[in-house]
């Protein structure tokens, strides 16, 4: 583990304290969990944005977001983002999935 320091607004500190009380956590654990949630959300949004502008495949988006293929498809549907998959992308995604299982 590595220590980090940051200045935050009082409103954010109040939100952290509320999270701590709700979860029964100490401040360090609460901040760690909040950061994990935020980073996971950032990764998901980034992956979806890259998929949306056709910079990555559906499989790569699922891997980047830390979601299963089914979960990323559900998220795209929720956001009303069309799922456009070419034959070449399907071949690449199957290959990547097979390699990931090995």
PDB file of N, CA and C in Angstrom:
ATOM      1  N   UNK A   1       0.841  -1.183   0.000  1.00  0.00           N
ATOM      2  CA  UNK A   1       0.000   0.000   0.000  1.00  0.00           C
ATOM      3  C   UNK A   1       0.879   1.237   0.000  1.00  0.00           C
ATOM      4  N   UNK A   2       0.307   2.298  -0.509  1.00  0.00           N
ATOM      5  CA  UNK A   2       1.023   3.565  -0.583  1.00  0.00           C
ATOM      6  C   UNK A   2       0.135   4.658  -0.016  1.00  0.00           C
ATOM      7  N   UNK A   3       0.730   5.552   0.750  1.00  0.00           N
ATOM      8  CA  UNK A   3      -0.013   6.684   1.314  1.00  0.00           C
ATOM      9  C   UNK A   3      -0.088   7.809   0.300  1.00  0.00           C
ATOM     10  N   UNK A   4      -1.249   8.478   0.265  1.00  0.00           N
ATOM     11  CA  UNK A   4      -1.412   9.671  -0.553  1.00  0.00           C
ATOM     12  C   UNK A   4      -2.081  10.738   0.305  1.00  0.00           C
ATOM     13  N   UNK A   5      -1.881  11.974  -0.074  1.00  0.00           N
ATOM     14  CA  UNK A   5      -2.499  13.084   0.654  1.00  0.00           C
ATOM     15  C   UNK A   5      -3.215  13.969  -0.344  1.00  0.00           C
ATOM     16  N   UNK A   6      -4.313  14.556   0.090  1.00  0.00           N
ATOM     17  CA  UNK A   6      -5.087  15.422  -0.803  1.00  0.00           C
ATOM     18  C   UNK A   6      -5.899  16.407   0.019  1.00  0.00           C
ATOM     19  N   UNK A   7      -6.088  17.582  -0.530  1.00  0.00           N
ATOM     20  CA  UNK A   7      -6.974  18.563   0.090  1.00  0.00           C
ATOM     21  C   UNK A   7      -8.354  18.389  -0.516  1.00  0.00           C
ATOM     22  N   UNK A   8      -9.382  18.447   0.332  1.00  0.00           N
ATOM     23  CA  UNK A   8     -10.750  18.294  -0.157  1.00  0.00           C
ATOM     24  C   UNK A   8     -11.638  19.375   0.454  1.00  0.00           C
ATOM     25  N   UNK A   9     -12.752  19.649  -0.213  1.00  0.00           N
ATOM     26  CA  UNK A   9     -13.711  20.614   0.307  1.00  0.00           C
ATOM     27  C   UNK A   9     -14.456  20.022   1.506  1.00  0.00           C
ATOM     28  N   UNK A  10     -14.956  20.877   2.352  1.00  0.00           N
ATOM     29  CA  UNK A  10     -15.673  20.444   3.551  1.00  0.00           C
ATOM     30  C   UNK A  10     -16.897  19.604   3.198  1.00  0.00           C
ATOM     31  N   UNK A  11     -17.550  19.936   2.083  1.00  0.00           N
ATOM     32  CA  UNK A  11     -18.734  19.178   1.666  1.00  0.00           C
ATOM     33  C   UNK A  11     -18.366  17.731   1.350  1.00  0.00           C
ATOM     34  N   UNK A  12     -17.221  17.554   0.696  1.00  0.00           N
ATOM     35  CA  UNK A  12     -16.757  16.214   0.378  1.00  0.00           C
ATOM     36  C   UNK A  12     -16.391  15.454   1.646  1.00  0.00           C
ATOM     37  N   UNK A  13     -15.786  16.138   2.590  1.00  0.00           N
ATOM     38  CA  UNK A  13     -15.448  15.509   3.860  1.00  0.00           C
ATOM     39  C   UNK A  13     -16.716  15.044   4.577  1.00  0.00           C
ATOM     40  N   UNK A  14     -17.766  15.853   4.513  1.00  0.00           N
ATOM     41  CA  UNK A  14     -19.040  15.483   5.131  1.00  0.00           C
ATOM     42  C   UNK A  14     -19.615  14.238   4.452  1.00  0.00           C
ATOM     43  N   UNK A  15     -19.496  14.170   3.124  1.00  0.00           N
ATOM     44  CA  UNK A  15     -19.974  12.989   2.401  1.00  0.00           C
ATOM     45  C   UNK A  15     -19.182  11.747   2.799  1.00  0.00           C
ATOM     46  N   UNK A  16     -17.882  11.902   2.955  1.00  0.00           N
ATOM     47  CA  UNK A  16     -17.033  10.778   3.369  1.00  0.00           C
ATOM     48  C   UNK A  16     -17.428  10.311   4.765  1.00  0.00           C
ATOM     49  N   UNK A  17     -17.656  11.257   5.663  1.00  0.00           N
ATOM     50  CA  UNK A  17     -18.056  10.905   7.036  1.00  0.00           C
ATOM     51  C   UNK A  17     -19.402  10.192   7.046  1.00  0.00           C
ATOM     52  N   UNK A  18     -20.320  10.626   6.205  1.00  0.00           N
ATOM     53  CA  UNK A  18     -21.623   9.955   6.108  1.00  0.00           C
ATOM     54  C   UNK A  18     -21.438   8.526   5.596  1.00  0.00           C
ATOM     55  N   UNK A  19     -20.588   8.347   4.598  1.00  0.00           N
ATOM     56  CA  UNK A  19     -20.276   7.026   4.057  1.00  0.00           C
ATOM     57  C   UNK A  19     -19.670   6.142   5.136  1.00  0.00           C
ATOM     58  N   UNK A  20     -18.748   6.721   5.930  1.00  0.00           N
ATOM     59  CA  UNK A  20     -18.101   5.979   7.016  1.00  0.00           C
ATOM     60  C   UNK A  20     -19.131   5.461   8.007  1.00  0.00           C
ATOM     61  N   UNK A  21     -20.031   6.339   8.427  1.00  0.00           N
ATOM     62  CA  UNK A  21     -21.050   5.969   9.412  1.00  0.00           C
ATOM     63  C   UNK A  21     -21.984   4.913   8.863  1.00  0.00           C
ATOM     64  N   UNK A  22     -22.398   5.099   7.616  1.00  0.00           N
ATOM     65  CA  UNK A  22     -23.323   4.152   6.988  1.00  0.00           C
ATOM     66  C   UNK A  22     -22.720   2.759   6.874  1.00  0.00           C
ATOM     67  N   UNK A  23     -21.431   2.699   6.558  1.00  0.00           N
ATOM     68  CA  UNK A  23     -20.763   1.417   6.361  1.00  0.00           C
ATOM     69  C   UNK A  23     -20.030   0.907   7.599  1.00  0.00           C
ATOM     70  N   UNK A  24     -19.930   1.742   8.630  1.00  0.00           N
ATOM     71  CA  UNK A  24     -19.207   1.342   9.830  1.00  0.00           C
ATOM     72  C   UNK A  24     -17.714   1.196   9.589  1.00  0.00           C
ATOM     73  N   UNK A  25     -17.146   2.149   8.870  1.00  0.00           N
ATOM     74  CA  UNK A  25     -15.736   2.077   8.483  1.00  0.00           C
ATOM     75  C   UNK A  25     -14.935   3.206   9.105  1.00  0.00           C
ATOM     76  N   UNK A  26     -13.627   2.983   9.179  1.00  0.00           N
ATOM     77  CA  UNK A  26     -12.732   4.074   9.541  1.00  0.00           C
ATOM     78  C   UNK A  26     -12.494   4.916   8.288  1.00  0.00           C
ATOM     79  N   UNK A  27     -11.940   6.104   8.472  1.00  0.00           N
ATOM     80  CA  UNK A  27     -11.784   7.050   7.359  1.00  0.00           C
ATOM     81  C   UNK A  27     -10.916   6.470   6.240  1.00  0.00           C
ATOM     82  N   UNK A  28      -9.814   5.842   6.580  1.00  0.00           N
ATOM     83  CA  UNK A  28      -8.908   5.300   5.572  1.00  0.00           C
ATOM     84  C   UNK A  28      -9.613   4.251   4.704  1.00  0.00           C
ATOM     85  N   UNK A  29     -10.343   3.343   5.337  1.00  0.00           N
ATOM     86  CA  UNK A  29     -11.061   2.301   4.590  1.00  0.00           C
ATOM     87  C   UNK A  29     -12.151   2.910   3.719  1.00  0.00           C
ATOM     88  N   UNK A  30     -12.858   3.885   4.264  1.00  0.00           N
ATOM     89  CA  UNK A  30     -13.937   4.539   3.510  1.00  0.00           C
ATOM     90  C   UNK A  30     -13.387   5.225   2.263  1.00  0.00           C
ATOM     91  N   UNK A  31     -12.305   5.952   2.417  1.00  0.00           N
ATOM     92  CA  UNK A  31     -11.715   6.660   1.278  1.00  0.00           C
ATOM     93  C   UNK A  31     -11.219   5.660   0.239  1.00  0.00           C
ATOM     94  N   UNK A  32     -10.618   4.569   0.682  1.00  0.00           N
ATOM     95  CA  UNK A  32     -10.139   3.539  -0.235  1.00  0.00           C
ATOM     96  C   UNK A  32     -11.299   2.971  -1.062  1.00  0.00           C
ATOM     97  N   UNK A  33     -12.412   2.672  -0.413  1.00  0.00           N
ATOM     98  CA  UNK A  33     -13.575   2.115  -1.114  1.00  0.00           C
ATOM     99  C   UNK A  33     -14.158   3.146  -2.076  1.00  0.00           C
ATOM    100  N   UNK A  34     -14.276   4.386  -1.624  1.00  0.00           N
ATOM    101  CA  UNK A  34     -14.810   5.446  -2.489  1.00  0.00           C
ATOM    102  C   UNK A  34     -13.925   5.619  -3.724  1.00  0.00           C
ATOM    103  N   UNK A  35     -12.614   5.583  -3.545  1.00  0.00           N
ATOM    104  CA  UNK A  35     -11.702   5.683  -4.686  1.00  0.00           C
ATOM    105  C   UNK A  35     -11.876   4.499  -5.633  1.00  0.00           C
ATOM    106  N   UNK A  36     -12.019   3.302  -5.093  1.00  0.00           N
ATOM    107  CA  UNK A  36     -12.221   2.117  -5.929  1.00  0.00           C
ATOM    108  C   UNK A  36     -13.504   2.238  -6.750  1.00  0.00           C
ATOM    109  N   UNK A  37     -14.568   2.716  -6.118  1.00  0.00           N
ATOM    110  CA  UNK A  37     -15.844   2.910  -6.819  1.00  0.00           C
ATOM    111  C   UNK A  37     -15.674   3.950  -7.930  1.00  0.00           C
ATOM    112  N   UNK A  38     -15.022   5.048  -7.603  1.00  0.00           N
ATOM    113  CA  UNK A  38     -14.822   6.111  -8.581  1.00  0.00           C
ATOM    114  C   UNK A  38     -13.958   5.680  -9.755  1.00  0.00           C
ATOM    115  N   UNK A  39     -12.890   4.967  -9.480  1.00  0.00           N
ATOM    116  CA  UNK A  39     -12.002   4.491 -10.542  1.00  0.00           C
ATOM    117  C   UNK A  39     -12.734   3.487 -11.427  1.00  0.00           C
ATOM    118  N   UNK A  40     -13.515   2.597 -10.823  1.00  0.00           N
ATOM    119  CA  UNK A  40     -14.282   1.618 -11.605  1.00  0.00           C
ATOM    120  C   UNK A  40     -15.269   2.327 -12.535  1.00  0.00           C
ATOM    121  N   UNK A  41     -15.927   3.355 -12.031  1.00  0.00           N
ATOM    122  CA  UNK A  41     -16.879   4.126 -12.843  1.00  0.00           C
ATOM    123  C   UNK A  41     -16.145   4.864 -13.964  1.00  0.00           C
ATOM    124  N   UNK A  42     -14.991   5.439 -13.660  1.00  0.00           N
ATOM    125  CA  UNK A  42     -14.193   6.136 -14.659  1.00  0.00           C
ATOM    126  C   UNK A  42     -13.756   5.174 -15.766  1.00  0.00           C
ATOM    127  N   UNK A  43     -13.291   3.980 -15.386  1.00  0.00           N
ATOM    128  CA  UNK A  43     -12.866   2.985 -16.373  1.00  0.00           C
ATOM    129  C   UNK A  43     -14.029   2.590 -17.276  1.00  0.00           C
ATOM    130  N   UNK A  44     -15.197   2.377 -16.680  1.00  0.00           N
ATOM    131  CA  UNK A  44     -16.376   1.997 -17.454  1.00  0.00           C
ATOM    132  C   UNK A  44     -16.734   3.108 -18.441  1.00  0.00           C
ATOM    133  N   UNK A  45     -16.787   4.350 -17.970  1.00  0.00           N
ATOM    134  CA  UNK A  45     -17.132   5.471 -18.841  1.00  0.00           C
ATOM    135  C   UNK A  45     -16.113   5.653 -19.962  1.00  0.00           C
ATOM    136  N   UNK A  46     -14.850   5.505 -19.626  1.00  0.00           N
ATOM    137  CA  UNK A  46     -13.781   5.641 -20.622  1.00  0.00           C
ATOM    138  C   UNK A  46     -13.894   4.562 -21.680  1.00  0.00           C
ATOM    139  N   UNK A  47     -14.105   3.326 -21.260  1.00  0.00           N
ATOM    140  CA  UNK A  47     -14.235   2.209 -22.199  1.00  0.00           C
ATOM    141  C   UNK A  47     -15.435   2.408 -23.122  1.00  0.00           C
ATOM    142  N   UNK A  48     -16.547   2.843 -22.559  1.00  0.00           N
ATOM    143  CA  UNK A  48     -17.751   3.059 -23.362  1.00  0.00           C
ATOM    144  C   UNK A  48     -17.535   4.199 -24.354  1.00  0.00           C
ATOM    145  N   UNK A  49     -16.883   5.250 -23.932  1.00  0.00           N
ATOM    146  CA  UNK A  49     -16.610   6.372 -24.838  1.00  0.00           C
ATOM    147  C   UNK A  49     -15.706   5.925 -25.991  1.00  0.00           C
ATOM    148  N   UNK A  50     -14.664   5.162 -25.682  1.00  0.00           N
ATOM    149  CA  UNK A  50     -13.768   4.675 -26.737  1.00  0.00           C
ATOM    150  C   UNK A  50     -14.493   3.727 -27.680  1.00  0.00           C
ATOM    151  N   UNK A  51     -15.391   2.898 -27.154  1.00  0.00           N
ATOM    152  CA  UNK A  51     -16.188   2.009 -27.997  1.00  0.00           C
ATOM    153  C   UNK A  51     -17.123   2.835 -28.887  1.00  0.00           C
ATOM    154  N   UNK A  52     -17.737   3.819 -28.295  1.00  0.00           N
ATOM    155  CA  UNK A  52     -18.703   4.667 -29.005  1.00  0.00           C
ATOM    156  C   UNK A  52     -18.063   5.353 -30.217  1.00  0.00           C
ATOM    157  N   UNK A  53     -16.813   5.782 -30.073  1.00  0.00           N
ATOM    158  CA  UNK A  53     -16.127   6.447 -31.189  1.00  0.00           C
ATOM    159  C   UNK A  53     -15.315   5.449 -32.030  1.00  0.00           C
ATOM    160  N   UNK A  54     -15.564   4.167 -31.803  1.00  0.00           N
ATOM    161  CA  UNK A  54     -14.989   3.069 -32.600  1.00  0.00           C
ATOM    162  C   UNK A  54     -13.471   2.984 -32.528  1.00  0.00           C
ATOM    163  N   UNK A  55     -12.928   3.312 -31.353  1.00  0.00           N
ATOM    164  CA  UNK A  55     -11.478   3.179 -31.159  1.00  0.00           C
ATOM    165  C   UNK A  55     -11.105   1.816 -30.595  1.00  0.00           C
ATOM    166  N   UNK A  56     -12.093   1.119 -29.957  1.00  0.00           N
ATOM    167  CA  UNK A  56     -11.851  -0.213 -29.407  1.00  0.00           C
ATOM    168  C   UNK A  56     -13.040  -1.111 -29.728  1.00  0.00           C
ATOM    169  N   UNK A  57     -12.809  -2.414 -29.664  1.00  0.00           N
ATOM    170  CA  UNK A  57     -13.877  -3.385 -29.920  1.00  0.00           C
ATOM    171  C   UNK A  57     -14.733  -3.563 -28.667  1.00  0.00           C
ATOM    172  N   UNK A  58     -15.827  -4.260 -28.856  1.00  0.00           N
ATOM    173  CA  UNK A  58     -16.722  -4.552 -27.738  1.00  0.00           C
ATOM    174  C   UNK A  58     -15.998  -5.365 -26.668  1.00  0.00           C
ATOM    175  N   UNK A  59     -15.227  -6.358 -27.093  1.00  0.00           N
ATOM    176  CA  UNK A  59     -14.481  -7.188 -26.142  1.00  0.00           C
ATOM    177  C   UNK A  59     -13.469  -6.343 -25.363  1.00  0.00           C
ATOM    178  N   UNK A  60     -12.728  -5.494 -26.082  1.00  0.00           N
ATOM    179  CA  UNK A  60     -11.739  -4.640 -25.422  1.00  0.00           C
ATOM    180  C   UNK A  60     -12.430  -3.692 -24.440  1.00  0.00           C
ATOM    181  N   UNK A  61     -13.597  -3.177 -24.815  1.00  0.00           N
ATOM    182  CA  UNK A  61     -14.349  -2.298 -23.909  1.00  0.00           C
ATOM    183  C   UNK A  61     -14.738  -3.041 -22.643  1.00  0.00           C
ATOM    184  N   UNK A  62     -15.167  -4.290 -22.791  1.00  0.00           N
ATOM    185  CA  UNK A  62     -15.556  -5.058 -21.599  1.00  0.00           C
ATOM    186  C   UNK A  62     -14.351  -5.293 -20.696  1.00  0.00           C
ATOM    187  N   UNK A  63     -13.207  -5.607 -21.295  1.00  0.00           N
ATOM    188  CA  UNK A  63     -11.989  -5.833 -20.518  1.00  0.00           C
ATOM    189  C   UNK A  63     -11.534  -4.554 -19.831  1.00  0.00           C
ATOM    190  N   UNK A  64     -11.539  -3.443 -20.556  1.00  0.00           N
ATOM    191  CA  UNK A  64     -11.108  -2.164 -20.003  1.00  0.00           C
ATOM    192  C   UNK A  64     -12.012  -1.737 -18.847  1.00  0.00           C
ATOM    193  N   UNK A  65     -13.302  -1.994 -18.998  1.00  0.00           N
ATOM    194  CA  UNK A  65     -14.272  -1.590 -17.980  1.00  0.00           C
ATOM    195  C   UNK A  65     -14.307  -2.552 -16.803  1.00  0.00           C
ATOM    196  N   UNK A  66     -13.699  -3.714 -16.952  1.00  0.00           N
ATOM    197  CA  UNK A  66     -13.751  -4.715 -15.891  1.00  0.00           C
ATOM    198  C   UNK A  66     -15.125  -5.374 -15.787  1.00  0.00           C
ATOM    199  N   UNK A  67     -15.806  -5.463 -16.934  1.00  0.00           N
ATOM    200  CA  UNK A  67     -17.140  -6.041 -16.979  1.00  0.00           C
ATOM    201  C   UNK A  67     -17.145  -7.237 -17.922  1.00  0.00           C
ATOM    202  N   UNK A  68     -18.111  -8.123 -17.725  1.00  0.00           N
ATOM    203  CA  UNK A  68     -18.270  -9.224 -18.671  1.00  0.00           C
ATOM    204  C   UNK A  68     -18.834  -8.664 -19.968  1.00  0.00           C
ATOM    205  N   UNK A  69     -18.772  -9.443 -21.023  1.00  0.00           N
ATOM    206  CA  UNK A  69     -19.317  -9.021 -22.303  1.00  0.00           C
ATOM    207  C   UNK A  69     -20.813  -8.727 -22.172  1.00  0.00           C
ATOM    208  N   UNK A  70     -21.521  -9.577 -21.446  1.00  0.00           N
ATOM    209  CA  UNK A  70     -22.956  -9.369 -21.226  1.00  0.00           C
ATOM    210  C   UNK A  70     -23.206  -8.067 -20.481  1.00  0.00           C
ATOM    211  N   UNK A  71     -22.397  -7.788 -19.439  1.00  0.00           N
ATOM    212  CA  UNK A  71     -22.570  -6.563 -18.650  1.00  0.00           C
ATOM    213  C   UNK A  71     -22.307  -5.300 -19.469  1.00  0.00           C
ATOM    214  N   UNK A  72     -21.290  -5.343 -20.337  1.00  0.00           N
ATOM    215  CA  UNK A  72     -21.000  -4.152 -21.139  1.00  0.00           C
ATOM    216  C   UNK A  72     -22.108  -3.935 -22.162  1.00  0.00           C
ATOM    217  N   UNK A  73     -22.649  -5.013 -22.716  1.00  0.00           N
ATOM    218  CA  UNK A  73     -23.768  -4.887 -23.661  1.00  0.00           C
ATOM    219  C   UNK A  73     -24.981  -4.305 -22.950  1.00  0.00           C
ATOM    220  N   UNK A  74     -25.263  -4.770 -21.744  1.00  0.00           N
ATOM    221  CA  UNK A  74     -26.382  -4.225 -20.970  1.00  0.00           C
ATOM    222  C   UNK A  74     -26.175  -2.737 -20.688  1.00  0.00           C
ATOM    223  N   UNK A  75     -24.945  -2.360 -20.354  1.00  0.00           N
ATOM    224  CA  UNK A  75     -24.649  -0.946 -20.076  1.00  0.00           C
ATOM    225  C   UNK A  75     -24.810  -0.096 -21.333  1.00  0.00           C
ATOM    226  N   UNK A  76     -24.354  -0.602 -22.464  1.00  0.00           N
ATOM    227  CA  UNK A  76     -24.535   0.116 -23.723  1.00  0.00           C
ATOM    228  C   UNK A  76     -26.021   0.277 -24.039  1.00  0.00           C
ATOM    229  N   UNK A  77     -26.791  -0.770 -23.815  1.00  0.00           N
ATOM    230  CA  UNK A  77     -28.242  -0.693 -24.038  1.00  0.00           C
ATOM    231  C   UNK A  77     -28.886   0.339 -23.119  1.00  0.00           C
ATOM    232  N   UNK A  78     -28.478   0.352 -21.844  1.00  0.00           N
ATOM    233  CA  UNK A  78     -29.014   1.337 -20.889  1.00  0.00           C
ATOM    234  C   UNK A  78     -28.743   2.761 -21.364  1.00  0.00           C
ATOM    235  N   UNK A  79     -27.577   2.956 -21.937  1.00  0.00           N
ATOM    236  CA  UNK A  79     -27.178   4.285 -22.396  1.00  0.00           C
ATOM    237  C   UNK A  79     -27.633   4.572 -23.827  1.00  0.00           C
ATOM    238  N   UNK A  80     -28.353   3.598 -24.401  1.00  0.00           N
ATOM    239  CA  UNK A  80     -28.871   3.727 -25.771  1.00  0.00           C
ATOM    240  C   UNK A  80     -27.758   3.968 -26.786  1.00  0.00           C
ATOM    241  N   UNK A  81     -26.644   3.250 -26.585  1.00  0.00           N
ATOM    242  CA  UNK A  81     -25.521   3.315 -27.515  1.00  0.00           C
ATOM    243  C   UNK A  81     -25.611   2.086 -28.417  1.00  0.00           C
ATOM    244  N   UNK A  82     -25.679   2.292 -29.729  1.00  0.00           N
ATOM    245  CA  UNK A  82     -25.813   1.150 -30.634  1.00  0.00           C
ATOM    246  C   UNK A  82     -24.611   0.219 -30.555  1.00  0.00           C
ATOM    247  N   UNK A  83     -24.899  -1.059 -30.688  1.00  0.00           N
ATOM    248  CA  UNK A  83     -23.846  -2.068 -30.698  1.00  0.00           C
ATOM    249  C   UNK A  83     -23.614  -2.435 -32.157  1.00  0.00           C
ATOM    250  N   UNK A  84     -22.523  -1.944 -32.684  1.00  0.00           N
ATOM    251  CA  UNK A  84     -22.153  -2.196 -34.079  1.00  0.00           C
ATOM    252  C   UNK A  84     -20.930  -3.094 -34.077  1.00  0.00           C
ATOM    253  N   UNK A  85     -21.121  -4.307 -34.534  1.00  0.00           N
ATOM    254  CA  UNK A  85     -20.027  -5.269 -34.517  1.00  0.00           C
ATOM    255  C   UNK A  85     -19.820  -5.794 -35.931  1.00  0.00           C
ATOM    256  N   UNK A  86     -18.591  -5.694 -36.415  1.00  0.00           N
ATOM    257  CA  UNK A  86     -18.261  -6.233 -37.733  1.00  0.00           C
ATOM    258  C   UNK A  86     -17.819  -7.686 -37.589  1.00  0.00           C
ATOM    259  N   UNK A  87     -17.796  -8.385 -38.681  1.00  0.00           N
ATOM    260  CA  UNK A  87     -17.334  -9.775 -38.674  1.00  0.00           C
ATOM    261  C   UNK A  87     -15.899  -9.847 -38.169  1.00  0.00           C
ATOM    262  N   UNK A  88     -15.065  -8.920 -38.612  1.00  0.00           N
ATOM    263  CA  UNK A  88     -13.663  -8.897 -38.173  1.00  0.00           C
ATOM    264  C   UNK A  88     -13.564  -8.698 -36.656  1.00  0.00           C
ATOM    265  N   UNK A  89     -14.392  -7.818 -36.095  1.00  0.00           N
ATOM    266  CA  UNK A  89     -14.382  -7.594 -34.649  1.00  0.00           C
ATOM    267  C   UNK A  89     -14.811  -8.846 -33.903  1.00  0.00           C
ATOM    268  N   UNK A  90     -15.802  -9.552 -34.421  1.00  0.00           N
ATOM    269  CA  UNK A  90     -16.244 -10.802 -33.783  1.00  0.00           C
ATOM    270  C   UNK A  90     -15.097 -11.796 -33.763  1.00  0.00           C
ATOM    271  N   UNK A  91     -14.388 -11.921 -34.878  1.00  0.00           N
ATOM    272  CA  UNK A  91     -13.245 -12.841 -34.949  1.00  0.00           C
ATOM    273  C   UNK A  91     -12.174 -12.434 -33.946  1.00  0.00           C
ATOM    274  N   UNK A  92     -11.857 -11.140 -33.905  1.00  0.00           N
ATOM    275  CA  UNK A  92     -10.851 -10.644 -32.955  1.00  0.00           C
ATOM    276  C   UNK A  92     -11.291 -10.856 -31.510  1.00  0.00           C
ATOM    277  N   UNK A  93     -12.567 -10.601 -31.230  1.00  0.00           N
ATOM    278  CA  UNK A  93     -13.077 -10.759 -29.872  1.00  0.00           C
ATOM    279  C   UNK A  93     -13.075 -12.222 -29.434  1.00  0.00           C
ATOM    280  N   UNK A  94     -13.425 -13.128 -30.337  1.00  0.00           N
ATOM    281  CA  UNK A  94     -13.398 -14.564 -30.008  1.00  0.00           C
ATOM    282  C   UNK A  94     -11.969 -14.991 -29.722  1.00  0.00           C
ATOM    283  N   UNK A  95     -11.045 -14.532 -30.536  1.00  0.00           N
ATOM    284  CA  UNK A  95      -9.625 -14.853 -30.330  1.00  0.00           C
ATOM    285  C   UNK A  95      -9.148 -14.313 -28.980  1.00  0.00           C
ATOM    286  N   UNK A  96      -9.486 -13.053 -28.688  1.00  0.00           N
ATOM    287  CA  UNK A  96      -9.075 -12.455 -27.411  1.00  0.00           C
ATOM    288  C   UNK A  96      -9.706 -13.184 -26.219  1.00  0.00           C
ATOM    289  N   UNK A  97     -10.980 -13.565 -26.356  1.00  0.00           N
ATOM    290  CA  UNK A  97     -11.652 -14.289 -25.284  1.00  0.00           C
ATOM    291  C   UNK A  97     -11.019 -15.647 -25.057  1.00  0.00           C
ATOM    292  N   UNK A  98     -10.667 -16.330 -26.141  1.00  0.00           N
ATOM    293  CA  UNK A  98     -10.025 -17.641 -26.022  1.00  0.00           C
ATOM    294  C   UNK A  98      -8.664 -17.526 -25.339  1.00  0.00           C
ATOM    295  N   UNK A  99      -7.910 -16.499 -25.720  1.00  0.00           N
ATOM    296  CA  UNK A  99      -6.594 -16.277 -25.103  1.00  0.00           C
ATOM    297  C   UNK A  99      -6.733 -15.916 -23.628  1.00  0.00           C
ATOM    298  N   UNK A 100      -7.771 -15.177 -23.283  1.00  0.00           N
ATOM    299  CA  UNK A 100      -7.984 -14.774 -21.891  1.00  0.00           C
ATOM    300  C   UNK A 100      -8.339 -15.970 -21.015  1.00  0.00           C
ATOM    301  N   UNK A 101      -9.031 -16.956 -21.597  1.00  0.00           N
ATOM    302  CA  UNK A 101      -9.412 -18.148 -20.837  1.00  0.00           C
ATOM    303  C   UNK A 101      -8.242 -19.100 -20.645  1.00  0.00           C
ATOM    304  N   UNK A 102      -7.227 -19.008 -21.513  1.00  0.00           N
ATOM    305  CA  UNK A 102      -6.073 -19.918 -21.443  1.00  0.00           C
ATOM    306  C   UNK A 102      -5.158 -19.590 -20.304  1.00  0.00           C
TER     307      UNK A 102
END
